[in-house]
Amino acid sequence: MTTAYDREILQLDPVKDHCRITFLMATCVYPFDIARALELALFRTYAVPRISALLRHTGELTERTRKRYDDTDLLLSELIEHGYDSPQGQAAIENINRQHAKYTIRNKDYLYVLLTFIFEPIQWIARFGHRPLSEKERLAWFHFWRAIGVRMNIQDIHDEYAELEQFNRSYEAECFHYSNSNRCVAEKTIDLLLGFYMPHVLFRLGRPAVYALLDRPLLNALGLSGQSIWLSRVLTRALRLRGRIASALPIKNKPVMRTQLRRPTYPEGYRIEDLGPEKPTQQRD
């Protein structure tokens, strides 16, 4: 079923209009898929010991897991919903840069984390989306995140998609190794995500479903075992079925704006500059 959003995307340029295409993809065409893919992208960053060690050291993921999740989700959503050059987008990038400036982080680690935001949604939609990404959508998504990386002063962001794919593969082959910090932050995040769907007493039953969505090299680096082949197949079929059903249903007229979701972390709203480890003022612009 071709929608008004699909038709609008067809009229846009993937380079010049990449902010608008990204907005339509994330809030109108693939809101469920992109949100889930960005959640799973977190786990790939946890598979690198020096990244997971820093995350554990700050305590944000181990002691304030929900707040860290909400802060990250809101900063990314401000960029997606308003564009990186909007007042909201500029405030989000300034916040991200300020938080990262506190630590010594290798450029290739910055680049890899950025690339998870590019590749994971593209791969998720290829597997589970209600329709494949068009080349225009793929290019727009790539250019959107590349532009954000430039504004974060990340170096060596190639113009060519294929070159970044090769960097991604080489980085994972070199840097994915098990450490206790990997497992620590991964388990905290898994429990948080499961808590969105089930009570704590059922987490033991829910964890294998999360494992089923992760590939074997990633599971090994996170120290997570017990992946079930049959559960992986069942879950894959279920998500593909969901995609087919979604393609047959009328698309929502109203974009899904994640910045407008109610969150226990910020019951009275938030200000972009307050997102992060500092104590929030509980006030939204």
Protein backbone atom coordinates (compact mmCIF):
# COMPACT_ATOMS: atom_id res chain seq x y z
CA MET A 1 0.00 0.00 0.00
CA THR A 2 1.54 3.28 -1.15
CA THR A 3 0.94 6.06 1.34
CA ALA A 4 1.06 9.84 1.16
CA TYR A 5 4.38 9.64 3.03
CA ASP A 6 5.80 7.27 0.41
CA ARG A 7 4.67 9.60 -2.36
CA GLU A 8 6.25 12.59 -0.64
CA ILE A 9 9.56 10.75 -0.27
CA LEU A 10 9.51 9.96 -4.00
CA GLN A 11 9.49 13.70 -4.73
CA LEU A 12 12.44 14.49 -2.45
CA ASP A 13 16.19 14.48 -3.04
CA PRO A 14 18.17 12.09 -0.76
CA VAL A 15 21.02 14.57 -0.30
CA LYS A 16 19.32 17.96 -0.24
CA ASP A 17 16.21 16.73 1.60
CA HIS A 18 17.72 14.07 3.86
CA CYS A 19 16.40 15.68 7.06
CA ARG A 20 12.82 15.58 5.81
CA ILE A 21 13.15 12.02 4.51
CA THR A 22 14.65 10.88 7.82
CA PHE A 23 11.79 12.52 9.71
CA LEU A 24 9.22 10.73 7.54
CA MET A 25 11.02 7.40 7.88
CA ALA A 26 11.34 7.53 11.67
CA THR A 27 7.98 9.05 12.60
CA CYS A 28 5.60 7.99 9.83
CA VAL A 29 6.82 5.06 7.73
CA TYR A 30 8.94 2.92 10.09
CA PRO A 31 8.43 4.27 13.65
CA PHE A 32 8.33 0.83 15.31
CA ASP A 33 11.20 -0.61 13.29
CA ILE A 34 13.58 2.31 13.74
CA ALA A 35 12.91 2.60 17.47
CA ARG A 36 13.60 -1.11 18.00
CA ALA A 37 16.69 -1.05 15.77
CA LEU A 38 18.21 1.89 17.63
CA GLU A 39 17.63 0.02 20.89
CA LEU A 40 19.50 -2.99 19.54
CA ALA A 41 22.27 -0.74 18.24
CA LEU A 42 23.18 -0.05 21.86
CA PHE A 43 24.26 -3.66 22.35
CA ARG A 44 26.84 -3.46 19.58
CA THR A 45 28.57 -0.61 21.38
CA TYR A 46 28.60 -2.67 24.60
CA ALA A 47 30.65 -5.39 22.87
CA VAL A 48 33.74 -3.15 22.87
CA PRO A 49 35.43 -3.36 26.31
CA ARG A 50 36.81 0.18 26.40
CA ILE A 51 33.35 1.56 25.56
CA SER A 52 31.48 -0.62 28.05
CA ALA A 53 34.09 0.09 30.74
CA LEU A 54 33.52 3.83 30.35
CA LEU A 55 29.74 3.35 30.46
CA ARG A 56 30.01 1.29 33.63
CA HIS A 57 32.45 3.77 35.17
CA THR A 58 30.05 6.69 34.75
CA GLY A 59 27.28 4.73 36.50
CA GLU A 60 24.70 6.10 34.08
CA LEU A 61 23.83 2.70 32.63
CA THR A 62 24.26 0.63 35.77
CA GLU A 63 22.69 2.91 38.39
CA ARG A 64 20.39 5.18 36.37
CA THR A 65 19.55 2.92 33.44
CA ARG A 66 16.12 4.33 32.63
CA LYS A 67 17.33 7.91 32.78
CA ARG A 68 20.28 7.14 30.51
CA TYR A 69 17.92 5.42 28.05
CA ASP A 70 15.50 8.36 28.07
CA ASP A 71 18.27 10.93 27.71
CA THR A 72 19.75 9.14 24.71
CA ASP A 73 16.34 8.55 23.12
CA LEU A 74 15.31 12.17 23.58
CA LEU A 75 18.54 13.62 22.19
CA LEU A 76 18.36 11.43 19.09
CA SER A 77 14.64 12.12 18.70
CA GLU A 78 15.16 15.88 18.91
CA LEU A 79 17.61 15.56 16.02
CA ILE A 80 15.30 13.35 13.97
CA GLU A 81 12.11 15.30 14.59
CA HIS A 82 13.47 18.83 14.22
CA GLY A 83 16.66 18.44 12.18
CA TYR A 84 20.22 18.98 13.33
CA ASP A 85 20.33 22.67 12.31
CA SER A 86 17.10 23.61 14.10
CA PRO A 87 17.38 25.30 17.52
CA GLN A 88 16.42 21.98 19.12
CA GLY A 89 18.92 20.05 17.00
CA GLN A 90 21.74 22.48 17.71
CA ALA A 91 21.00 22.26 21.44
CA ALA A 92 21.03 18.45 21.23
CA ILE A 93 24.40 18.36 19.44
CA GLU A 94 25.86 20.89 21.86
CA ASN A 95 24.71 18.68 24.74
CA ILE A 96 26.15 15.53 23.16
CA ASN A 97 29.49 17.21 22.49
CA ARG A 98 29.64 18.64 26.01
CA GLN A 99 29.00 15.25 27.61
CA HIS A 100 31.57 13.46 25.45
CA ALA A 101 34.23 16.15 25.97
CA LYS A 102 34.58 15.01 29.59
CA TYR A 103 36.26 11.79 28.49
CA THR A 104 39.14 10.69 26.28
CA ILE A 105 37.47 8.70 23.51
CA ARG A 106 39.19 7.39 20.40
CA ASN A 107 37.93 8.74 17.10
CA LYS A 108 37.34 5.25 15.73
CA ASP A 109 35.10 4.47 18.71
CA TYR A 110 33.09 7.63 18.06
CA LEU A 111 32.81 6.65 14.41
CA TYR A 112 31.73 3.11 15.18
CA VAL A 113 28.96 4.25 17.54
CA LEU A 114 27.73 6.65 14.87
CA LEU A 115 27.71 3.86 12.29
CA THR A 116 25.51 1.66 14.47
CA PHE A 117 22.82 4.34 14.10
CA ILE A 118 23.19 4.08 10.33
CA PHE A 119 23.49 0.36 9.76
CA GLU A 120 21.28 -1.23 12.43
CA PRO A 121 18.01 0.38 11.27
CA ILE A 122 18.83 -0.39 7.64
CA GLN A 123 19.49 -4.04 8.48
CA TRP A 124 16.43 -4.32 10.75
CA ILE A 125 14.10 -2.94 8.07
CA ALA A 126 15.61 -5.29 5.48
CA ARG A 127 14.71 -8.23 7.77
CA PHE A 128 11.44 -7.12 9.33
CA GLY A 129 10.08 -3.98 7.69
CA HIS A 130 6.69 -3.85 5.98
CA ARG A 131 8.56 -3.01 2.77
CA PRO A 132 12.25 -2.75 1.84
CA LEU A 133 13.99 0.59 2.10
CA SER A 134 14.24 2.40 -1.19
CA GLU A 135 17.69 3.50 -2.33
CA LYS A 136 16.58 7.08 -1.77
CA GLU A 137 15.66 6.32 1.85
CA ARG A 138 18.91 4.47 2.49
CA LEU A 139 20.99 7.34 1.11
CA ALA A 140 19.01 9.96 3.03
CA TRP A 141 19.42 8.04 6.29
CA PHE A 142 23.15 7.76 5.63
CA HIS A 143 23.56 11.48 4.84
CA PHE A 144 21.55 12.50 7.90
CA TRP A 145 23.77 10.65 10.37
CA ARG A 146 26.93 11.56 8.48
CA ALA A 147 26.02 15.24 8.85
CA ILE A 148 25.53 14.76 12.59
CA GLY A 149 28.93 13.07 12.82
CA VAL A 150 30.54 16.05 11.11
CA ARG A 151 28.91 18.36 13.67
CA MET A 152 30.32 16.15 16.43
CA ASN A 153 33.79 16.62 14.92
CA ILE A 154 34.16 12.91 14.17
CA GLN A 155 36.98 12.37 11.68
CA ASP A 156 37.30 10.00 8.71
CA ILE A 157 33.58 9.79 7.91
CA HIS A 158 33.85 8.64 4.31
CA ASP A 159 31.43 9.87 1.67
CA GLU A 160 31.01 6.35 0.35
CA TYR A 161 28.58 4.02 2.09
CA ALA A 162 30.58 0.92 1.09
CA GLU A 163 33.77 2.26 2.69
CA LEU A 164 31.97 2.79 6.00
CA GLU A 165 30.52 -0.71 5.80
CA GLN A 166 34.06 -2.07 5.43
CA PHE A 167 35.24 0.00 8.39
CA ASN A 168 32.33 -1.34 10.43
CA ARG A 169 33.19 -4.97 9.66
CA SER A 170 36.90 -4.47 10.35
CA TYR A 171 36.24 -2.61 13.61
CA GLU A 172 33.99 -5.36 14.95
CA ALA A 173 36.48 -8.07 13.99
CA GLU A 174 39.23 -6.19 15.83
CA CYS A 175 37.40 -4.75 18.84
CA PHE A 176 34.63 -7.19 19.81
CA HIS A 177 35.99 -9.01 22.88
CA TYR A 178 34.37 -10.20 26.07
CA SER A 179 34.79 -8.31 29.33
CA ASN A 180 32.77 -8.20 32.53
CA SER A 181 31.78 -4.61 31.81
CA ASN A 182 30.27 -5.70 28.47
CA ARG A 183 27.97 -8.14 30.21
CA CYS A 184 27.16 -5.77 33.06
CA VAL A 185 25.82 -2.93 30.91
CA ALA A 186 24.13 -5.34 28.47
CA GLU A 187 22.19 -7.10 31.23
CA LYS A 188 21.09 -3.79 32.73
CA THR A 189 19.79 -2.66 29.35
CA ILE A 190 18.04 -5.96 28.67
CA ASP A 191 16.21 -5.73 31.98
CA LEU A 192 15.17 -2.17 31.19
CA LEU A 193 13.79 -3.11 27.76
CA LEU A 194 11.97 -6.15 29.11
CA GLY A 195 10.43 -3.94 31.78
CA PHE A 196 8.58 -2.05 29.06
CA TYR A 197 6.62 -5.22 28.20
CA MET A 198 6.47 -7.54 31.22
CA PRO A 199 6.76 -7.72 35.02
CA HIS A 200 10.14 -8.45 36.60
CA VAL A 201 9.17 -12.02 37.52
CA LEU A 202 8.96 -12.87 33.80
CA PHE A 203 12.36 -11.42 32.83
CA ARG A 204 13.94 -14.88 32.95
CA LEU A 205 11.53 -15.97 30.22
CA GLY A 206 11.97 -12.79 28.20
CA ARG A 207 15.77 -12.70 28.03
CA PRO A 208 16.05 -15.51 25.45
CA ALA A 209 13.85 -13.46 23.11
CA VAL A 210 16.36 -10.60 23.25
CA TYR A 211 19.26 -13.01 22.72
CA ALA A 212 17.45 -14.36 19.64
CA LEU A 213 17.71 -10.95 17.96
CA LEU A 214 21.50 -10.72 18.44
CA ASP A 215 24.10 -12.40 16.24
CA ARG A 216 26.57 -14.94 17.59
CA PRO A 217 29.73 -12.74 17.56
CA LEU A 218 27.82 -10.08 19.49
CA LEU A 219 26.46 -12.58 22.01
CA ASN A 220 29.94 -14.00 22.57
CA ALA A 221 31.41 -10.55 23.19
CA LEU A 222 28.62 -9.76 25.64
CA GLY A 223 29.05 -13.08 27.44
CA LEU A 224 25.42 -14.01 26.85
CA SER A 225 24.64 -17.66 26.23
CA GLY A 226 21.60 -19.77 25.65
CA GLN A 227 20.46 -18.46 22.27
CA SER A 228 17.77 -20.79 20.94
CA ILE A 229 17.78 -21.46 17.21
CA TRP A 230 14.09 -22.34 17.18
CA LEU A 231 13.18 -19.23 19.17
CA SER A 232 15.24 -17.11 16.80
CA ARG A 233 13.32 -18.58 13.87
CA VAL A 234 9.95 -18.11 15.57
CA LEU A 235 10.73 -14.52 16.52
CA THR A 236 12.00 -13.74 13.02
CA ARG A 237 8.79 -15.11 11.49
CA ALA A 238 6.66 -13.22 14.00
CA LEU A 239 8.38 -9.91 13.26
CA ARG A 240 8.11 -10.49 9.51
CA LEU A 241 4.42 -11.29 9.95
CA ARG A 242 4.02 -8.07 11.91
CA GLY A 243 5.59 -6.23 8.99
CA ARG A 244 3.18 -7.82 6.50
CA ILE A 245 0.20 -6.98 8.70
CA ALA A 246 1.44 -3.42 9.10
CA SER A 247 1.68 -3.06 5.32
CA ALA A 248 -2.02 -3.94 5.00
CA LEU A 249 -3.26 -1.57 7.71
CA PRO A 250 -4.03 2.12 7.22
CA ILE A 251 -1.00 4.15 8.21
CA LYS A 252 -1.40 6.59 11.09
CA ASN A 253 -2.10 10.14 10.00
CA LYS A 254 -0.22 11.59 12.95
CA PRO A 255 3.57 11.14 13.14
CA VAL A 256 4.90 9.20 16.13
CA MET A 257 6.89 11.83 18.01
CA ARG A 258 9.04 10.19 20.66
CA THR A 259 9.80 13.56 22.26
CA GLN A 260 6.12 13.72 23.23
CA LEU A 261 5.93 10.33 24.94
CA ARG A 262 5.22 10.34 28.66
CA ARG A 263 8.30 9.29 30.61
CA PRO A 264 8.61 8.62 34.35
CA THR A 265 12.09 10.16 34.25
CA TYR A 266 10.64 13.54 33.29
CA PRO A 267 7.03 13.67 34.51
CA GLU A 268 6.91 17.45 34.08
CA GLY A 269 8.88 17.62 30.85
CA TYR A 270 12.53 18.37 30.13
CA ARG A 271 14.93 20.90 28.68
CA ILE A 272 17.38 19.66 26.07
CA GLU A 273 20.36 21.24 27.81
CA ASP A 274 19.51 19.36 31.02
CA LEU A 275 19.54 15.88 29.46
CA GLY A 276 22.48 13.86 30.70
CA PRO A 277 24.18 13.17 34.04
CA GLU A 278 23.46 16.57 35.55
CA LYS A 279 20.36 16.89 37.67
CA PRO A 280 17.42 17.90 35.43
CA THR A 281 15.33 20.97 36.14
CA GLN A 282 12.10 19.15 35.23
CA GLN A 283 11.12 21.89 32.79
CA ARG A 284 10.68 21.66 29.08
CA ASP A 285 11.16 24.38 26.50
